[in-house]
Structures are given as structure tokens and as C-alpha cells.
Amino acid sequence: MEFDDEEVVGHDVVRSFVVTGGRTQSTTQSLQFETRVEIASGAPTQSLQFERLDIARYIHEQRATSIAEIAAHLHLPMLTTQVLVSDLVAEGVLSAHDTVDSEIDLSSLSDIRAAILSL
């Protein structure tokens, strides 16, 4: 593939393994795709560059958003976004709000199932 000097090289050219340093997981923390994140108070954002800066800017605009939403908006692969966001949480730039801890009431699920079956 050749590029003209005037052609702008976009996100499609940079491979995900370059952005994540070849990693498929964060070295410190792995977050789920539905995990909501926001900018941490007093976050050190002045040294961020490239995709990491794009992620921080988007989250700042949206207040709090999920990793999946970030990937979709910035047109980044899900796994790449997951690794970058996990790294940013570990560095104290972002704070994560895990959604997995919510308990499901099994009796409510049974009632819902019974209502569906009665249709």
C-alpha cells in the first residue's frame, strides 16, 4: 500500500496491536464492555496522546459512558478500546463503575417467564 504525501493516514491504517503494544488484555485490570467509565477527579490528562486522548475527550463530553459506546463512537475495535480504557483506569485518569454486581431476583424472572409462556 502506498500513500501520497498529501493523503491523510487515518485510524484504519494503524493496527490495533500497535496501539495496545501487542497486548490483548490490560496488564493491571480487565473491564467488561458494559462497564461505565468517567473522568476521575484531578485526572492527569495533559500527557495523553492519540487514541487515549480521544477516549478522554469523548468521556469528558458524555460525562459517563460504557466501553462499548466509546469503541462505537471512535470507530476503534472493542478489544483495543477495552485495553486502553483499562490502562487509563489503572493510571487514575478514568474511574470505572462496574455494572456486573447487580443481583437478579430469580422470582421476578420466573414471573416474567410465566407471563411469556401464557402468551
N, C-alpha and C. Protein backbone atom coordinates (compact mmCIF):
# COMPACT_ATOMS: atom_id res chain seq x y z
N MET A 1 0.84 -1.16 0.00
CA MET A 1 0.00 0.00 0.00
C MET A 1 0.89 1.24 0.00
N GLU A 2 0.59 2.16 -0.89
CA GLU A 2 1.38 3.37 -0.99
C GLU A 2 0.52 4.57 -0.63
N PHE A 3 1.15 5.60 -0.10
CA PHE A 3 0.44 6.81 0.28
C PHE A 3 1.07 8.00 -0.41
N ASP A 4 0.20 8.89 -0.90
CA ASP A 4 0.68 10.16 -1.43
C ASP A 4 1.06 11.04 -0.25
N ASP A 5 1.95 11.98 -0.48
CA ASP A 5 2.35 12.89 0.58
C ASP A 5 1.17 13.69 1.13
N GLU A 6 0.18 13.98 0.28
CA GLU A 6 -0.94 14.79 0.69
C GLU A 6 -2.05 13.97 1.34
N GLU A 7 -1.98 12.65 1.25
CA GLU A 7 -3.05 11.81 1.79
C GLU A 7 -2.96 11.74 3.31
N VAL A 8 -4.10 11.84 3.95
CA VAL A 8 -4.15 11.74 5.41
C VAL A 8 -4.29 10.28 5.79
N VAL A 9 -3.43 9.81 6.66
CA VAL A 9 -3.48 8.43 7.12
C VAL A 9 -4.40 8.38 8.33
N GLY A 10 -5.48 7.58 8.23
CA GLY A 10 -6.47 7.53 9.29
C GLY A 10 -6.28 6.35 10.22
N HIS A 11 -7.30 6.14 11.07
CA HIS A 11 -7.28 5.07 12.07
C HIS A 11 -7.19 3.69 11.43
N ASP A 12 -7.68 3.54 10.21
CA ASP A 12 -7.72 2.22 9.57
C ASP A 12 -6.32 1.67 9.31
N VAL A 13 -5.35 2.53 9.14
CA VAL A 13 -4.01 2.08 8.79
C VAL A 13 -3.25 1.57 10.01
N VAL A 14 -3.47 2.20 11.15
CA VAL A 14 -2.76 1.82 12.37
C VAL A 14 -3.42 0.57 12.94
N ARG A 15 -2.66 -0.50 13.03
CA ARG A 15 -3.20 -1.76 13.52
C ARG A 15 -3.36 -1.73 15.04
N SER A 16 -4.34 -2.47 15.51
CA SER A 16 -4.67 -2.46 16.94
C SER A 16 -3.51 -2.88 17.82
N PHE A 17 -2.73 -3.83 17.36
CA PHE A 17 -1.63 -4.30 18.23
C PHE A 17 -0.57 -3.23 18.43
N VAL A 18 -0.48 -2.28 17.52
CA VAL A 18 0.47 -1.18 17.70
C VAL A 18 -0.05 -0.24 18.79
N VAL A 19 -1.35 0.03 18.75
CA VAL A 19 -1.96 0.94 19.71
C VAL A 19 -1.88 0.38 21.13
N THR A 20 -2.04 -0.93 21.27
CA THR A 20 -2.04 -1.56 22.61
C THR A 20 -0.68 -2.14 22.97
N GLY A 21 0.31 -1.96 22.14
CA GLY A 21 1.63 -2.53 22.41
C GLY A 21 1.63 -4.04 22.28
N GLY A 22 0.75 -4.58 21.46
CA GLY A 22 0.69 -6.02 21.24
C GLY A 22 -0.11 -6.77 22.28
N ARG A 23 -0.73 -6.06 23.21
CA ARG A 23 -1.47 -6.73 24.28
C ARG A 23 -2.93 -6.93 23.91
N THR A 24 -3.51 -8.01 24.41
CA THR A 24 -4.94 -8.27 24.24
C THR A 24 -5.67 -8.09 25.55
N GLN A 25 -4.93 -7.82 26.62
CA GLN A 25 -5.50 -7.55 27.93
C GLN A 25 -4.68 -6.47 28.61
N SER A 26 -5.33 -5.74 29.50
CA SER A 26 -4.60 -4.77 30.31
C SER A 26 -3.72 -5.53 31.28
N THR A 27 -2.56 -4.98 31.58
CA THR A 27 -1.64 -5.67 32.49
C THR A 27 -2.11 -5.59 33.94
N THR A 28 -2.99 -4.65 34.26
CA THR A 28 -3.39 -4.49 35.65
C THR A 28 -4.86 -4.82 35.91
N GLN A 29 -5.75 -4.47 35.00
CA GLN A 29 -7.17 -4.60 35.27
C GLN A 29 -7.90 -4.83 33.95
N SER A 30 -8.85 -5.76 33.98
CA SER A 30 -9.65 -6.01 32.79
C SER A 30 -11.10 -5.65 33.08
N LEU A 31 -11.66 -4.80 32.26
CA LEU A 31 -13.03 -4.34 32.45
C LEU A 31 -13.95 -4.99 31.41
N GLN A 32 -15.21 -5.09 31.73
CA GLN A 32 -16.21 -5.62 30.81
C GLN A 32 -16.60 -4.54 29.81
N PHE A 33 -17.16 -4.94 28.67
CA PHE A 33 -17.56 -3.97 27.64
C PHE A 33 -18.67 -3.04 28.12
N GLU A 34 -19.51 -3.51 29.04
CA GLU A 34 -20.62 -2.69 29.52
C GLU A 34 -20.23 -1.80 30.71
N THR A 35 -19.00 -1.90 31.18
CA THR A 35 -18.54 -1.08 32.30
C THR A 35 -18.60 0.39 31.92
N ARG A 36 -19.20 1.19 32.80
CA ARG A 36 -19.29 2.63 32.56
C ARG A 36 -18.08 3.31 33.19
N VAL A 37 -17.52 4.25 32.47
CA VAL A 37 -16.34 4.97 32.94
C VAL A 37 -16.58 6.47 32.84
N GLU A 38 -15.85 7.21 33.67
CA GLU A 38 -15.89 8.66 33.62
C GLU A 38 -14.51 9.20 33.98
N ILE A 39 -14.30 10.47 33.70
CA ILE A 39 -13.02 11.09 34.04
C ILE A 39 -12.92 11.16 35.56
N ALA A 40 -11.79 10.73 36.09
CA ALA A 40 -11.57 10.79 37.53
C ALA A 40 -11.28 12.23 37.94
N SER A 41 -11.69 12.58 39.15
CA SER A 41 -11.42 13.95 39.61
C SER A 41 -9.91 14.14 39.77
N GLY A 42 -9.41 15.24 39.27
CA GLY A 42 -7.98 15.53 39.32
C GLY A 42 -7.15 14.64 38.42
N ALA A 43 -7.78 14.13 37.35
CA ALA A 43 -7.11 13.20 36.45
C ALA A 43 -5.96 13.86 35.70
N PRO A 44 -4.83 13.17 35.57
CA PRO A 44 -3.68 13.70 34.84
C PRO A 44 -3.84 13.51 33.32
N THR A 45 -4.64 14.37 32.67
CA THR A 45 -4.95 14.20 31.25
C THR A 45 -4.01 14.95 30.32
N GLN A 46 -3.16 15.83 30.84
CA GLN A 46 -2.33 16.67 29.98
C GLN A 46 -1.28 15.88 29.19
N SER A 47 -0.92 14.70 29.62
CA SER A 47 0.11 13.92 28.91
C SER A 47 -0.47 12.89 27.94
N LEU A 48 -1.80 12.84 27.80
CA LEU A 48 -2.42 11.84 26.92
C LEU A 48 -2.24 12.21 25.45
N GLN A 49 -2.10 11.18 24.62
CA GLN A 49 -1.95 11.40 23.18
C GLN A 49 -2.75 10.37 22.41
N PHE A 50 -3.02 10.69 21.15
CA PHE A 50 -3.62 9.79 20.18
C PHE A 50 -4.96 9.23 20.66
N GLU A 51 -5.16 7.91 20.57
CA GLU A 51 -6.44 7.30 20.92
C GLU A 51 -6.79 7.52 22.39
N ARG A 52 -5.80 7.51 23.24
CA ARG A 52 -6.05 7.71 24.67
C ARG A 52 -6.62 9.11 24.92
N LEU A 53 -6.14 10.11 24.22
CA LEU A 53 -6.68 11.47 24.33
C LEU A 53 -8.09 11.52 23.75
N ASP A 54 -8.32 10.85 22.62
CA ASP A 54 -9.66 10.80 22.02
C ASP A 54 -10.66 10.18 22.99
N ILE A 55 -10.26 9.12 23.67
CA ILE A 55 -11.13 8.46 24.65
C ILE A 55 -11.46 9.42 25.79
N ALA A 56 -10.46 10.08 26.33
CA ALA A 56 -10.68 11.01 27.45
C ALA A 56 -11.58 12.17 27.02
N ARG A 57 -11.38 12.70 25.83
CA ARG A 57 -12.22 13.81 25.34
C ARG A 57 -13.67 13.37 25.19
N TYR A 58 -13.86 12.19 24.61
CA TYR A 58 -15.22 11.69 24.41
C TYR A 58 -15.92 11.47 25.75
N ILE A 59 -15.23 10.86 26.70
CA ILE A 59 -15.83 10.61 28.00
C ILE A 59 -16.13 11.93 28.71
N HIS A 60 -15.26 12.90 28.57
CA HIS A 60 -15.49 14.22 29.18
C HIS A 60 -16.76 14.85 28.61
N GLU A 61 -16.99 14.72 27.32
CA GLU A 61 -18.18 15.27 26.67
C GLU A 61 -19.45 14.54 27.12
N GLN A 62 -19.35 13.23 27.31
CA GLN A 62 -20.52 12.42 27.61
C GLN A 62 -20.77 12.26 29.11
N ARG A 63 -19.88 12.68 29.95
CA ARG A 63 -19.92 12.53 31.40
C ARG A 63 -19.57 11.11 31.83
N ALA A 64 -20.38 10.13 31.50
CA ALA A 64 -20.07 8.73 31.80
C ALA A 64 -20.62 7.89 30.66
N THR A 65 -19.85 6.91 30.23
CA THR A 65 -20.27 6.09 29.10
C THR A 65 -19.61 4.72 29.20
N SER A 66 -20.13 3.77 28.46
CA SER A 66 -19.58 2.41 28.52
C SER A 66 -18.43 2.25 27.52
N ILE A 67 -17.66 1.21 27.74
CA ILE A 67 -16.54 0.91 26.85
C ILE A 67 -17.06 0.61 25.44
N ALA A 68 -18.18 -0.08 25.35
CA ALA A 68 -18.76 -0.40 24.03
C ALA A 68 -19.16 0.87 23.29
N GLU A 69 -19.74 1.84 24.00
CA GLU A 69 -20.12 3.11 23.37
C GLU A 69 -18.90 3.89 22.89
N ILE A 70 -17.85 3.86 23.67
CA ILE A 70 -16.61 4.54 23.28
C ILE A 70 -16.06 3.94 21.99
N ALA A 71 -16.01 2.61 21.94
CA ALA A 71 -15.50 1.91 20.75
C ALA A 71 -16.33 2.26 19.52
N ALA A 72 -17.64 2.28 19.67
CA ALA A 72 -18.52 2.58 18.53
C ALA A 72 -18.34 4.02 18.06
N HIS A 73 -18.30 4.95 18.99
CA HIS A 73 -18.19 6.36 18.61
C HIS A 73 -16.84 6.68 17.97
N LEU A 74 -15.77 6.12 18.51
CA LEU A 74 -14.43 6.43 18.00
C LEU A 74 -13.98 5.49 16.89
N HIS A 75 -14.83 4.54 16.51
CA HIS A 75 -14.52 3.57 15.45
C HIS A 75 -13.24 2.79 15.74
N LEU A 76 -13.12 2.35 17.00
CA LEU A 76 -11.99 1.53 17.43
C LEU A 76 -12.48 0.11 17.67
N PRO A 77 -11.62 -0.88 17.47
CA PRO A 77 -12.01 -2.24 17.80
C PRO A 77 -12.33 -2.36 19.30
N MET A 78 -13.32 -3.20 19.63
CA MET A 78 -13.76 -3.34 21.02
C MET A 78 -12.61 -3.74 21.94
N LEU A 79 -11.84 -4.73 21.54
CA LEU A 79 -10.76 -5.22 22.40
C LEU A 79 -9.69 -4.16 22.61
N THR A 80 -9.38 -3.41 21.59
CA THR A 80 -8.42 -2.32 21.70
C THR A 80 -8.92 -1.27 22.69
N THR A 81 -10.18 -0.91 22.56
CA THR A 81 -10.78 0.08 23.46
C THR A 81 -10.78 -0.44 24.89
N GLN A 82 -11.10 -1.71 25.07
CA GLN A 82 -11.13 -2.31 26.40
C GLN A 82 -9.74 -2.23 27.06
N VAL A 83 -8.71 -2.53 26.31
CA VAL A 83 -7.35 -2.48 26.85
C VAL A 83 -6.96 -1.05 27.19
N LEU A 84 -7.22 -0.11 26.29
CA LEU A 84 -6.84 1.29 26.53
C LEU A 84 -7.60 1.88 27.72
N VAL A 85 -8.89 1.61 27.81
CA VAL A 85 -9.68 2.13 28.92
C VAL A 85 -9.22 1.51 30.24
N SER A 86 -8.96 0.21 30.23
CA SER A 86 -8.46 -0.46 31.44
C SER A 86 -7.14 0.16 31.90
N ASP A 87 -6.27 0.46 30.95
CA ASP A 87 -5.00 1.12 31.28
C ASP A 87 -5.23 2.51 31.87
N LEU A 88 -6.17 3.26 31.29
CA LEU A 88 -6.46 4.60 31.79
C LEU A 88 -7.06 4.56 33.20
N VAL A 89 -7.85 3.53 33.48
CA VAL A 89 -8.39 3.37 34.84
C VAL A 89 -7.26 3.07 35.81
N ALA A 90 -6.36 2.17 35.40
CA ALA A 90 -5.22 1.81 36.25
C ALA A 90 -4.31 3.01 36.51
N GLU A 91 -4.22 3.93 35.56
CA GLU A 91 -3.37 5.12 35.71
C GLU A 91 -4.06 6.25 36.47
N GLY A 92 -5.33 6.07 36.81
CA GLY A 92 -6.06 7.09 37.57
C GLY A 92 -6.67 8.18 36.72
N VAL A 93 -6.65 8.03 35.41
CA VAL A 93 -7.24 9.03 34.52
C VAL A 93 -8.76 8.86 34.50
N LEU A 94 -9.22 7.62 34.50
CA LEU A 94 -10.64 7.31 34.48
C LEU A 94 -11.03 6.55 35.74
N SER A 95 -12.29 6.64 36.10
CA SER A 95 -12.82 5.79 37.17
C SER A 95 -13.91 4.92 36.56
N ALA A 96 -13.96 3.67 36.99
CA ALA A 96 -14.89 2.69 36.43
C ALA A 96 -16.01 2.40 37.41
N HIS A 97 -17.19 2.21 36.87
CA HIS A 97 -18.36 1.85 37.65
C HIS A 97 -18.86 0.52 37.12
N ASP A 98 -18.51 -0.53 37.81
CA ASP A 98 -18.83 -1.88 37.35
C ASP A 98 -20.33 -2.13 37.44
N THR A 99 -20.89 -2.69 36.40
CA THR A 99 -22.32 -2.98 36.36
C THR A 99 -22.63 -4.43 36.64
N VAL A 100 -21.63 -5.26 36.83
CA VAL A 100 -21.83 -6.70 36.99
C VAL A 100 -22.36 -7.06 38.38
N ASP A 101 -22.18 -6.21 39.37
CA ASP A 101 -22.54 -6.54 40.74
C ASP A 101 -24.05 -6.58 41.01
N SER A 102 -24.88 -6.14 40.08
CA SER A 102 -26.31 -6.11 40.34
C SER A 102 -26.87 -7.52 40.42
N GLU A 103 -27.68 -7.75 41.41
CA GLU A 103 -28.30 -9.06 41.64
C GLU A 103 -29.60 -9.15 40.87
N ILE A 104 -29.88 -10.32 40.33
CA ILE A 104 -31.12 -10.56 39.61
C ILE A 104 -32.04 -11.36 40.53
N ASP A 105 -33.25 -10.86 40.70
CA ASP A 105 -34.24 -11.53 41.53
C ASP A 105 -34.82 -12.70 40.72
N LEU A 106 -34.52 -13.92 41.14
CA LEU A 106 -34.96 -15.10 40.40
C LEU A 106 -36.48 -15.27 40.40
N SER A 107 -37.15 -14.82 41.45
CA SER A 107 -38.61 -14.94 41.46
C SER A 107 -39.22 -14.02 40.40
N SER A 108 -38.62 -12.85 40.19
CA SER A 108 -39.11 -11.96 39.14
C SER A 108 -38.91 -12.57 37.76
N LEU A 109 -37.77 -13.23 37.56
CA LEU A 109 -37.53 -13.90 36.28
C LEU A 109 -38.54 -15.02 36.06
N SER A 110 -38.88 -15.75 37.11
CA SER A 110 -39.88 -16.81 37.00
C SER A 110 -41.24 -16.23 36.62
N ASP A 111 -41.60 -15.09 37.22
CA ASP A 111 -42.87 -14.43 36.89
C ASP A 111 -42.88 -13.97 35.44
N ILE A 112 -41.77 -13.42 34.98
CA ILE A 112 -41.66 -12.97 33.59
C ILE A 112 -41.78 -14.15 32.64
N ARG A 113 -41.10 -15.24 32.97
CA ARG A 113 -41.16 -16.45 32.14
C ARG A 113 -42.59 -16.96 32.07
N ALA A 114 -43.27 -17.01 33.20
CA ALA A 114 -44.66 -17.49 33.23
C ALA A 114 -45.57 -16.60 32.39
N ALA A 115 -45.34 -15.28 32.45
CA ALA A 115 -46.15 -14.36 31.67
C ALA A 115 -45.91 -14.55 30.17
N ILE A 116 -44.67 -14.79 29.79
CA ILE A 116 -44.35 -15.00 28.38
C ILE A 116 -44.96 -16.31 27.88
N LEU A 117 -44.86 -17.34 28.69
CA LEU A 117 -45.43 -18.65 28.30
C LEU A 117 -46.95 -18.59 28.18
N SER A 118 -47.58 -17.71 28.93
CA SER A 118 -49.05 -17.62 28.86
C SER A 118 -49.53 -16.90 27.59
N LEU A 119 -48.61 -16.26 26.88
CA LEU A 119 -48.99 -15.57 25.64
C LEU A 119 -49.30 -16.57 24.60
